[in-house]
Amino acid sequence: MRRSRNVKILATLGPASSTAEMIRALFVAGADVFRINMSHTPRDRLAELIAAVRGVERDLGRPIGILADLQGPKLRIGEIAGGETALNAGDVITLDLDAAPAAREKGLLRVPLPHKEIFAVLKPGATLLVDDGRINLQVMEASAARATARVVIGGALKSRKGVNVPDLVLPIAALSPKDRADLDAALHEGVDWIALSFVQKPEDVAEARKIVAGRAGVLAKIEKPSALTSLDGILELADALMVARGDLGVELPLEQVPGRQKHLIRAARKAGKPVVVATQMLESMITSPSPTRAEVSDVATAVFEGADAIMLSAESASGSFPVEAVATMDRIATTVEADRYYRSIIDAQHATPEPTTPDAITAAARQVAETLNLACIVSWTKSGSTGLRAARERPVVPILALTPVETTARRLSIVWGLHCVTTEDAHDLDDMVDRACKLAWRDGFASAGQRIAITAGLPLGTPGATNLLRIAFVGRNQE
């Protein structure tokens, strides 16, 4: 089940894709990692979905990654009498902590906003966005329990709609009580990645890492302007990033999102950490068997930029054409990577290796492989760090990541260009070379008579100790 592309595809599971048969069809069509959205998944259903994915994994003999996406804190206005009320530009309203339904007091509409954390930092001039930014309010006066705001952009204000506060860092932890319970359940079931929502600062990632304790990778979703200003600290602590363009596009001017996407991809690539581009990539395929030209261009842009993975949300979770959406994304990515401009764009963003032995070895492996026209690079990796370094180089030749740790193979399935194989650890140098040649031949990466590059660490089995580069011939006896 070798892919003909380097970028990976995440497919979200949901009502349209919850059976073992459909999960298998999605994987065969091109999905490499499956996302479970904890906003819509009860814990008993979580266990069923994970069991179904693992069953497909066993049947097909390929490692498959599973990402549990935590909901994060939800900030909402309270109830509106009658369900909704009209707001017009220029209207002045008040907001307070009173949970009673919205009502008019002394001519002003009072709207319940039952979140004391918002009032704790609210100040004149701040912006409140309601219902994914459809309604825009500017704060005129604010206290610890009440605020007055002018309507900048009006519309139908409906009960329980979400509220965004883009200008301020809110004193709210990224992990709500629901998230903590979902996190415990996901770790118990053995997911490979945890996606952390509502990240505002590095401390949010640090809190999640402490709880996860190495049992899964922590992926920080970048969806708030405050996360962008603290990106270096977040990137240092996170194992991966997600460009969550939906929420980011609510809290930022839309025209800034493409540039932010480029910045986030390049920052993650420089750090050698996976980056996922998500939200509305093939949105029209929720109801249509084919995408729009603009959507195809959007997916292609993420591939050209060198993102590790691209993600489908409702397209595969609840859409009418989940398999077609994955297959379409696969075709777009494969075609882009064959484009004559693709390699020059990828190479132009090549990161300088860090002054460490493992980085020097993986950089040398790329150069040697391309200079000698080798069939592939084989990276022995136990913790996954060597595989990440190999992918960071974005070589022209394929990368075969061999690991004795099944969880490492699953976690690396989100990483650009890695074809992961679980195999027992090498016993000695001869076994390391022989097994690398056999698996490269078996999985179609090298033919008899071709040469491969092998990277590993001595002493064998030492995590993160890559210090060996070997060139080996694939002999006819491999067949």
Protein backbone atom coordinates (compact mmCIF):
# COMPACT_ATOMS: atom_id res chain seq x y z
CA MET A 1 0.00 0.00 0.00
CA ARG A 2 2.68 2.47 -1.10
CA ARG A 3 1.54 6.04 -1.76
CA SER A 4 2.62 7.84 -4.90
CA ARG A 5 2.83 11.19 -3.08
CA ASN A 6 4.66 12.71 -0.13
CA VAL A 7 1.98 14.90 1.47
CA LYS A 8 -0.35 12.99 3.79
CA ILE A 9 -4.14 13.12 3.95
CA LEU A 10 -6.20 13.35 7.16
CA ALA A 11 -9.83 12.28 6.89
CA THR A 12 -12.33 13.09 9.63
CA LEU A 13 -14.60 10.24 10.71
CA GLY A 14 -18.28 10.82 11.30
CA PRO A 15 -21.77 9.61 10.39
CA ALA A 16 -20.79 9.15 6.74
CA SER A 17 -17.61 7.25 7.52
CA SER A 18 -17.98 5.30 10.74
CA THR A 19 -18.06 1.68 9.56
CA ALA A 20 -15.02 -0.53 9.15
CA GLU A 21 -15.89 -0.96 5.46
CA MET A 22 -15.97 2.80 4.86
CA ILE A 23 -12.77 3.39 6.86
CA ARG A 24 -11.04 0.76 4.73
CA ALA A 25 -12.37 2.40 1.56
CA LEU A 26 -11.10 5.80 2.72
CA PHE A 27 -7.65 4.39 3.47
CA VAL A 28 -7.44 2.64 0.10
CA ALA A 29 -8.54 5.88 -1.58
CA GLY A 30 -5.66 7.73 0.08
CA ALA A 31 -6.33 8.62 3.73
CA ASP A 32 -3.23 8.18 5.91
CA VAL A 33 -4.53 9.43 9.27
CA PHE A 34 -8.05 9.49 10.69
CA ARG A 35 -9.32 12.39 12.79
CA ILE A 36 -11.98 11.95 15.46
CA ASN A 37 -13.70 15.20 16.38
CA MET A 38 -14.43 15.04 20.11
CA SER A 39 -16.97 17.87 19.76
CA HIS A 40 -19.34 15.32 18.23
CA THR A 41 -18.07 11.95 19.48
CA PRO A 42 -19.26 10.32 22.74
CA ARG A 43 -16.62 8.31 24.54
CA ASP A 44 -18.20 4.94 23.79
CA ARG A 45 -18.27 5.86 20.10
CA LEU A 46 -14.61 6.90 20.34
CA ALA A 47 -13.66 3.38 21.39
CA GLU A 48 -15.69 1.86 18.54
CA LEU A 49 -14.08 4.09 15.91
CA ILE A 50 -10.56 3.37 17.16
CA ALA A 51 -11.25 -0.36 17.18
CA ALA A 52 -12.51 -0.14 13.59
CA VAL A 53 -9.38 1.72 12.45
CA ARG A 54 -7.11 -0.78 14.18
CA GLY A 55 -9.00 -3.61 12.50
CA VAL A 56 -8.36 -2.06 9.08
CA GLU A 57 -4.73 -1.57 10.06
CA ARG A 58 -4.34 -5.26 10.87
CA ASP A 59 -6.07 -6.35 7.67
CA LEU A 60 -3.95 -4.15 5.41
CA GLY A 61 -0.68 -4.48 7.31
CA ARG A 62 0.01 -0.73 7.28
CA PRO A 63 0.35 1.64 10.27
CA ILE A 64 -2.52 4.12 10.44
CA GLY A 65 -2.48 7.23 12.61
CA ILE A 66 -5.44 8.35 14.73
CA LEU A 67 -5.88 11.96 15.87
CA ALA A 68 -8.34 12.93 18.61
CA ASP A 69 -9.32 16.57 18.20
CA LEU A 70 -10.37 18.12 21.53
CA GLN A 71 -13.27 20.58 21.49
CA GLY A 72 -11.71 23.29 23.64
CA PRO A 73 -13.66 25.86 25.73
CA LYS A 74 -16.79 27.16 24.05
CA LEU A 75 -17.78 30.78 24.61
CA ARG A 76 -21.40 31.52 23.77
CA ILE A 77 -24.02 34.20 24.37
CA GLY A 78 -27.05 33.12 26.40
CA GLU A 79 -30.66 32.73 25.37
CA ILE A 80 -32.55 35.21 23.21
CA ALA A 81 -36.29 35.48 23.82
CA GLY A 82 -38.01 33.96 20.81
CA GLY A 83 -34.73 32.42 19.63
CA GLU A 84 -33.39 35.49 17.83
CA THR A 85 -33.55 39.26 17.54
CA ALA A 86 -32.44 41.76 14.91
CA LEU A 87 -29.39 43.97 15.42
CA ASN A 88 -28.72 46.94 13.17
CA ALA A 89 -25.44 48.71 12.60
CA GLY A 90 -25.17 51.61 15.04
CA ASP A 91 -27.37 50.02 17.71
CA VAL A 92 -26.04 50.09 21.27
CA ILE A 93 -26.52 47.01 23.44
CA THR A 94 -25.44 45.89 26.88
CA LEU A 95 -23.95 42.53 27.85
CA ASP A 96 -23.83 41.07 31.35
CA LEU A 97 -23.45 37.88 33.37
CA ASP A 98 -27.16 37.53 34.10
CA ALA A 99 -28.33 34.22 32.60
CA ALA A 100 -31.88 35.49 32.06
CA PRO A 101 -32.94 35.64 28.38
CA ALA A 102 -32.18 38.80 26.44
CA ALA A 103 -34.60 41.66 27.06
CA ARG A 104 -34.83 45.39 26.52
CA GLU A 105 -34.05 47.58 29.50
CA LYS A 106 -34.56 51.34 29.26
CA GLY A 107 -34.57 51.09 25.49
CA LEU A 108 -31.33 49.08 25.28
CA LEU A 109 -31.17 45.42 24.41
CA ARG A 110 -29.53 43.43 27.19
CA VAL A 111 -27.74 40.27 26.00
CA PRO A 112 -26.56 37.55 28.40
CA LEU A 113 -22.87 36.69 28.12
CA PRO A 114 -22.29 34.15 30.93
CA HIS A 115 -18.48 34.17 30.90
CA LYS A 116 -16.84 36.13 33.69
CA GLU A 117 -13.44 35.43 32.08
CA ILE A 118 -14.39 37.66 29.16
CA PHE A 119 -15.46 40.55 31.39
CA ALA A 120 -12.25 40.19 33.40
CA VAL A 121 -10.17 41.44 30.46
CA LEU A 122 -12.73 43.32 28.36
CA LYS A 123 -11.89 46.98 27.74
CA PRO A 124 -13.11 49.87 25.58
CA GLY A 125 -12.18 49.44 21.94
CA ALA A 126 -12.14 45.63 22.08
CA THR A 127 -14.02 43.66 19.45
CA LEU A 128 -16.58 40.94 20.11
CA LEU A 129 -17.45 38.66 17.19
CA VAL A 130 -20.66 36.63 17.39
CA ASP A 131 -21.79 33.72 15.21
CA ASP A 132 -18.45 33.17 13.40
CA GLY A 133 -18.03 36.89 12.88
CA ARG A 134 -21.40 37.52 11.26
CA ILE A 135 -22.09 40.09 13.99
CA ASN A 136 -19.36 42.53 14.99
CA LEU A 137 -19.55 44.50 18.25
CA GLN A 138 -17.18 47.18 19.51
CA VAL A 139 -16.96 47.65 23.26
CA MET A 140 -17.61 51.18 24.50
CA GLU A 141 -17.55 50.65 28.27
CA ALA A 142 -16.67 47.60 30.36
CA SER A 143 -16.62 46.47 33.98
CA ALA A 144 -16.18 43.15 35.72
CA ALA A 145 -19.80 42.17 35.13
CA ARG A 146 -21.22 44.44 32.44
CA ALA A 147 -20.29 46.04 29.13
CA THR A 148 -21.82 48.40 26.59
CA ALA A 149 -21.10 47.83 22.92
CA ARG A 150 -21.96 49.40 19.57
CA VAL A 151 -23.05 47.17 16.68
CA VAL A 152 -20.57 47.55 13.81
CA ILE A 153 -22.02 44.77 11.64
CA GLY A 154 -25.58 43.75 12.40
CA GLY A 155 -27.78 40.78 11.63
CA ALA A 156 -29.95 38.18 13.31
CA LEU A 157 -28.62 37.56 16.82
CA LYS A 158 -29.55 33.97 17.73
CA SER A 159 -29.47 32.07 21.01
CA ARG A 160 -26.30 30.25 22.09
CA LYS A 161 -24.14 31.47 19.23
CA GLY A 162 -20.37 31.44 19.68
CA VAL A 163 -18.37 34.48 20.74
CA ASN A 164 -14.79 35.29 19.71
CA VAL A 165 -12.61 37.92 21.37
CA PRO A 166 -9.72 38.37 18.91
CA ASP A 167 -7.97 41.32 20.57
CA LEU A 168 -7.37 39.83 24.01
CA VAL A 169 -5.78 36.87 25.76
CA LEU A 170 -8.53 35.35 27.86
CA PRO A 171 -7.80 33.89 31.32
CA ILE A 172 -9.17 30.53 30.22
CA ALA A 173 -7.27 27.23 30.11
CA ALA A 174 -7.17 25.43 26.76
CA LEU A 175 -8.44 22.26 28.45
CA SER A 176 -12.02 22.43 29.72
CA PRO A 177 -13.36 19.76 32.11
CA LYS A 178 -14.90 18.01 29.08
CA ASP A 179 -11.54 18.13 27.29
CA ARG A 180 -9.75 16.57 30.25
CA ALA A 181 -12.23 13.70 30.34
CA ASP A 182 -12.02 13.26 26.56
CA LEU A 183 -8.23 13.39 26.72
CA ASP A 184 -8.10 10.65 29.34
CA ALA A 185 -10.43 8.50 27.25
CA ALA A 186 -8.44 9.07 24.05
CA LEU A 187 -5.14 8.21 25.73
CA HIS A 188 -6.70 5.11 27.29
CA GLU A 189 -7.79 3.96 23.83
CA GLY A 190 -4.32 4.53 22.40
CA VAL A 191 -4.71 7.43 19.97
CA ASP A 192 -1.51 8.66 18.31
CA TRP A 193 -2.14 12.40 18.26
CA ILE A 194 -4.03 14.86 20.46
CA ALA A 195 -5.13 18.09 18.74
CA LEU A 196 -5.34 20.91 21.27
CA SER A 197 -7.88 23.67 20.60
CA PHE A 198 -8.04 27.23 22.01
CA VAL A 199 -4.25 27.56 22.26
CA GLN A 200 -3.37 31.13 23.24
CA LYS A 201 0.10 30.77 24.75
CA PRO A 202 2.91 28.22 25.29
CA GLU A 203 1.64 27.38 28.78
CA ASP A 204 -1.49 25.86 27.20
CA VAL A 205 0.65 23.36 25.31
CA ALA A 206 2.80 22.70 28.37
CA GLU A 207 -0.29 21.79 30.40
CA ALA A 208 -1.42 19.28 27.78
CA ARG A 209 2.06 17.79 27.42
CA LYS A 210 2.23 17.19 31.16
CA ILE A 211 -1.01 15.20 31.07
CA VAL A 212 -0.18 13.33 27.87
CA ALA A 213 3.26 12.39 29.24
CA GLY A 214 4.58 11.09 25.94
CA ARG A 215 1.68 8.70 25.28
CA ALA A 216 0.72 10.63 22.13
CA GLY A 217 1.95 13.53 20.06
CA VAL A 218 0.53 16.97 20.96
CA LEU A 219 -0.64 18.99 17.96
CA ALA A 220 -1.32 22.66 18.63
CA LYS A 221 -4.15 24.14 16.58
CA ILE A 222 -3.30 27.70 15.59
CA GLU A 223 -6.67 29.43 15.48
CA LYS A 224 -6.22 32.59 17.57
CA PRO A 225 -4.17 35.76 16.94
CA SER A 226 -2.55 35.45 20.39
CA ALA A 227 -1.12 32.08 19.33
CA LEU A 228 0.54 33.74 16.35
CA THR A 229 2.29 36.24 18.58
CA SER A 230 3.55 33.41 20.81
CA LEU A 231 4.33 31.03 17.95
CA ASP A 232 8.00 30.42 18.79
CA GLY A 233 7.19 29.26 22.31
CA ILE A 234 4.25 27.16 21.15
CA LEU A 235 6.29 25.54 18.39
CA GLU A 236 9.06 24.68 20.83
CA LEU A 237 6.65 22.74 23.06
CA ALA A 238 4.26 21.24 20.49
CA ASP A 239 5.01 18.12 18.46
CA ALA A 240 3.08 19.45 15.46
CA LEU A 241 0.95 22.39 14.29
CA MET A 242 -2.38 22.71 12.56
CA VAL A 243 -3.31 25.76 10.50
CA ALA A 244 -6.94 25.91 11.68
CA ARG A 245 -8.09 28.32 9.01
CA GLY A 246 -11.77 28.30 10.01
CA ASP A 247 -11.41 29.91 13.43
CA LEU A 248 -8.31 31.82 12.36
CA GLY A 249 -10.37 33.37 9.56
CA VAL A 250 -12.96 34.53 12.08
CA GLU A 251 -10.51 36.28 14.38
CA LEU A 252 -8.26 37.69 11.65
CA PRO A 253 -9.16 39.68 8.54
CA LEU A 254 -9.71 37.02 5.86
CA GLU A 255 -7.11 38.52 3.56
CA GLN A 256 -4.40 37.83 6.16
CA VAL A 257 -5.07 34.09 6.42
CA PRO A 258 -3.14 32.96 3.27
CA GLY A 259 -0.02 34.78 4.42
CA ARG A 260 -0.34 33.37 7.93
CA GLN A 261 -0.68 29.91 6.42
CA LYS A 262 2.60 30.31 4.55
CA HIS A 263 4.31 31.62 7.67
CA LEU A 264 3.10 28.73 9.83
CA ILE A 265 4.11 26.08 7.29
CA ARG A 266 7.60 27.53 6.93
CA ALA A 267 8.06 27.93 10.69
CA ALA A 268 7.07 24.31 11.30
CA ARG A 269 9.28 23.04 8.48
CA LYS A 270 12.23 24.97 9.88
CA ALA A 271 11.62 23.41 13.28
CA GLY A 272 11.31 19.95 11.73
CA LYS A 273 7.80 19.44 13.05
CA PRO A 274 4.74 18.30 11.07
CA VAL A 275 2.22 20.91 9.97
CA VAL A 276 -1.37 20.21 8.87
CA VAL A 277 -3.47 22.58 6.75
CA ALA A 278 -7.17 22.26 7.59
CA THR A 279 -10.71 23.60 7.05
CA GLN A 280 -12.89 23.95 3.95
CA MET A 281 -10.33 22.48 1.57
CA LEU A 282 -12.94 20.68 -0.55
CA GLU A 283 -16.04 22.13 1.12
CA SER A 284 -18.31 21.84 -1.92
CA MET A 285 -17.76 18.06 -1.97
CA ILE A 286 -20.01 17.77 1.08
CA THR A 287 -22.87 17.83 -1.42
CA SER A 288 -21.16 17.55 -4.81
CA PRO A 289 -19.10 14.70 -6.32
CA SER A 290 -16.56 17.19 -7.67
CA PRO A 291 -14.84 20.27 -6.17
CA THR A 292 -14.69 23.83 -7.41
CA ARG A 293 -11.64 25.06 -9.30
CA ALA A 294 -10.87 27.44 -6.41
CA GLU A 295 -10.83 24.50 -3.96
CA VAL A 296 -8.46 22.54 -6.18
CA SER A 297 -6.16 25.56 -6.27
CA ASP A 298 -6.37 25.89 -2.47
CA VAL A 299 -5.34 22.27 -1.91
CA ALA A 300 -2.57 22.63 -4.49
CA THR A 301 -1.20 25.72 -2.74
CA ALA A 302 -0.80 23.81 0.54
CA VAL A 303 1.00 20.99 -1.30
CA PHE A 304 3.29 23.42 -3.15
CA GLU A 305 4.18 25.05 0.18
CA GLY A 306 5.40 21.72 1.55
CA ALA A 307 2.75 21.08 4.22
CA ASP A 308 3.08 17.66 5.82
CA ALA A 309 -0.63 16.94 5.63
CA ILE A 310 -3.90 18.30 4.30
CA MET A 311 -7.21 17.62 6.03
CA LEU A 312 -10.81 16.88 5.19
CA SER A 313 -13.46 17.75 7.79
CA ALA A 314 -17.17 17.54 6.98
CA GLU A 315 -16.29 16.35 3.47
CA SER A 316 -15.44 12.90 4.84
CA ALA A 317 -17.31 13.03 8.17
CA SER A 318 -20.83 13.89 7.06
CA GLY A 319 -20.70 14.55 3.34
CA SER A 320 -22.40 12.58 0.58
CA PHE A 321 -19.13 11.70 -1.16
CA PRO A 322 -16.45 10.85 1.44
CA VAL A 323 -14.46 8.38 -0.68
CA GLU A 324 -14.60 10.67 -3.70
CA ALA A 325 -13.34 13.57 -1.56
CA VAL A 326 -10.31 11.58 -0.40
CA ALA A 327 -9.61 10.29 -3.91
CA THR A 328 -9.88 13.82 -5.30
CA MET A 329 -7.45 15.17 -2.73
CA ASP A 330 -5.08 12.30 -3.54
CA ARG A 331 -5.19 13.10 -7.27
CA ILE A 332 -4.59 16.81 -6.69
CA ALA A 333 -1.60 16.16 -4.42
CA THR A 334 -0.09 13.56 -6.75
CA THR A 335 -0.43 15.87 -9.75
CA VAL A 336 1.06 18.85 -7.93
CA GLU A 337 4.08 16.85 -6.77
CA ALA A 338 4.72 15.85 -10.39
CA ASP A 339 4.56 19.48 -11.54
CA ARG A 340 7.79 20.90 -12.96
CA TYR A 341 7.71 23.83 -10.51
CA TYR A 342 7.07 21.75 -7.38
CA ARG A 343 10.64 20.74 -6.64
CA SER A 344 12.08 24.23 -7.13
CA ILE A 345 9.51 25.69 -4.71
CA ILE A 346 10.19 22.99 -2.11
CA ASP A 347 13.96 23.41 -2.42
CA ALA A 348 13.72 27.20 -2.11
CA GLN A 349 12.34 26.74 1.41
CA HIS A 350 14.97 24.22 2.51
CA ALA A 351 15.94 24.73 6.15
CA THR A 352 19.57 24.87 7.23
CA PRO A 353 20.46 21.83 9.35
CA GLU A 354 21.10 22.37 13.04
CA PRO A 355 24.77 21.94 14.09
CA THR A 356 24.23 18.45 15.51
CA THR A 357 25.45 15.04 14.40
CA PRO A 358 21.94 13.66 13.64
CA ASP A 359 21.08 16.72 11.54
CA ALA A 360 24.38 16.56 9.69
CA ILE A 361 23.91 12.87 8.92
CA THR A 362 20.35 13.27 7.60
CA ALA A 363 21.36 16.30 5.51
CA ALA A 364 24.27 14.30 4.10
CA ALA A 365 21.96 11.38 3.34
CA ARG A 366 19.81 13.62 1.19
CA GLN A 367 22.78 15.06 -0.67
CA VAL A 368 24.38 11.65 -1.23
CA ALA A 369 21.09 10.11 -2.36
CA GLU A 370 20.49 12.83 -4.92
CA THR A 371 24.12 13.00 -6.11
CA LEU A 372 24.37 9.23 -6.61
CA ASN A 373 20.77 8.86 -7.81
CA LEU A 374 20.02 6.31 -5.09
CA ALA A 375 16.70 4.47 -5.02
CA CYS A 376 15.68 5.66 -1.54
CA ILE A 377 16.77 6.67 1.94
CA VAL A 378 16.13 4.15 4.72
CA SER A 379 16.00 5.67 8.20
CA TRP A 380 16.09 3.44 11.26
CA THR A 381 14.16 5.32 13.93
CA LYS A 382 13.02 4.28 17.38
CA SER A 383 11.62 7.47 18.90
CA GLY A 384 10.74 8.98 15.52
CA SER A 385 13.26 11.83 15.66
CA THR A 386 15.39 10.42 12.84
CA GLY A 387 12.32 10.04 10.65
CA LEU A 388 11.34 13.65 11.34
CA ARG A 389 14.82 14.84 10.42
CA ALA A 390 14.78 12.87 7.19
CA ALA A 391 11.41 14.39 6.24
CA ARG A 392 12.59 17.88 7.14
CA GLU A 393 15.16 17.60 4.35
CA ARG A 394 12.37 17.04 1.78
CA PRO A 395 14.58 14.82 -0.44
CA VAL A 396 13.76 13.96 -4.03
CA VAL A 397 14.07 10.23 -3.32
CA PRO A 398 11.54 8.31 -1.17
CA ILE A 399 12.08 7.81 2.58
CA LEU A 400 11.50 4.42 4.18
CA ALA A 401 11.23 4.75 7.99
CA LEU A 402 11.90 1.49 9.84
CA THR A 403 11.02 1.26 13.52
CA PRO A 404 10.60 -1.49 16.11
CA VAL A 405 7.96 0.60 17.89
CA GLU A 406 4.44 0.32 16.50
CA THR A 407 3.29 3.58 18.10
CA THR A 408 6.19 5.42 16.44
CA ALA A 409 5.17 4.11 13.01
CA ARG A 410 1.60 5.25 13.59
CA ARG A 411 2.64 8.68 14.81
CA LEU A 412 4.97 9.21 11.85
CA SER A 413 2.15 8.47 9.40
CA ILE A 414 1.29 12.19 9.50
CA VAL A 415 4.78 13.23 8.36
CA TRP A 416 5.67 14.27 4.81
CA GLY A 417 7.23 11.58 2.67
CA LEU A 418 7.61 8.83 5.27
CA HIS A 419 6.63 5.28 4.38
CA CYS A 420 6.64 3.65 7.80
CA VAL A 421 7.28 -0.03 8.44
CA THR A 422 7.27 -1.76 11.81
CA THR A 423 10.06 -4.32 12.12
CA GLU A 424 12.11 -5.74 14.96
CA ASP A 425 15.18 -3.78 15.95
CA ALA A 426 18.42 -4.57 14.14
CA HIS A 427 20.65 -7.05 15.96
CA ASP A 428 23.92 -5.82 14.44
CA LEU A 429 25.24 -3.79 11.54
CA ASP A 430 24.91 -6.61 9.02
CA ASP A 431 21.31 -7.22 10.08
CA MET A 432 20.59 -3.49 9.85
CA VAL A 433 21.82 -3.30 6.27
CA ASP A 434 20.31 -6.60 5.16
CA ARG A 435 16.87 -5.81 6.58
CA ALA A 436 16.91 -2.30 5.08
CA CYS A 437 17.66 -3.78 1.64
CA LYS A 438 15.02 -6.48 1.94
CA LEU A 439 12.27 -4.10 3.05
CA ALA A 440 13.20 -1.51 0.42
CA TRP A 441 12.87 -4.25 -2.21
CA ARG A 442 9.72 -5.75 -0.71
CA ASP A 443 7.82 -2.45 -0.61
CA GLY A 444 8.87 -1.44 -4.10
CA PHE A 445 11.38 1.28 -3.26
CA ALA A 446 14.42 -0.41 -4.79
CA SER A 447 15.16 -3.09 -7.37
CA ALA A 448 18.03 -5.57 -7.47
CA GLY A 449 21.23 -3.78 -8.40
CA GLN A 450 20.14 -0.38 -7.11
CA ARG A 451 21.75 1.40 -4.18
CA ILE A 452 20.11 2.85 -1.08
CA ALA A 453 21.26 5.17 1.72
CA ILE A 454 20.81 3.94 5.29
CA THR A 455 20.91 6.12 8.41
CA ALA A 456 21.00 4.75 11.93
CA GLY A 457 22.47 5.32 15.36
CA LEU A 458 25.27 3.50 17.13
CA PRO A 459 25.00 1.85 19.55
CA LEU A 460 22.00 0.30 17.80
CA GLY A 461 18.64 0.96 19.44
CA THR A 462 19.69 4.23 21.06
CA PRO A 463 16.93 6.83 20.51
CA GLY A 464 18.01 10.05 18.79
CA ALA A 465 21.63 8.95 18.28
CA THR A 466 21.79 9.02 14.48
CA ASN A 467 25.49 8.99 13.62
CA LEU A 468 25.83 6.47 10.78
CA LEU A 469 25.36 6.83 7.02
CA ARG A 470 25.80 3.70 4.90
CA ILE A 471 25.43 3.10 1.16
CA ALA A 472 24.27 -0.42 0.31
CA PHE A 473 23.49 -2.42 -2.82
CA VAL A 474 20.19 -4.24 -3.07
CA GLY A 475 21.32 -7.67 -4.20
CA ARG A 476 19.42 -10.19 -6.27
CA ASN A 477 19.28 -12.42 -3.22
CA GLN A 478 16.78 -9.94 -1.73
CA GLU A 479 14.24 -11.35 -4.15
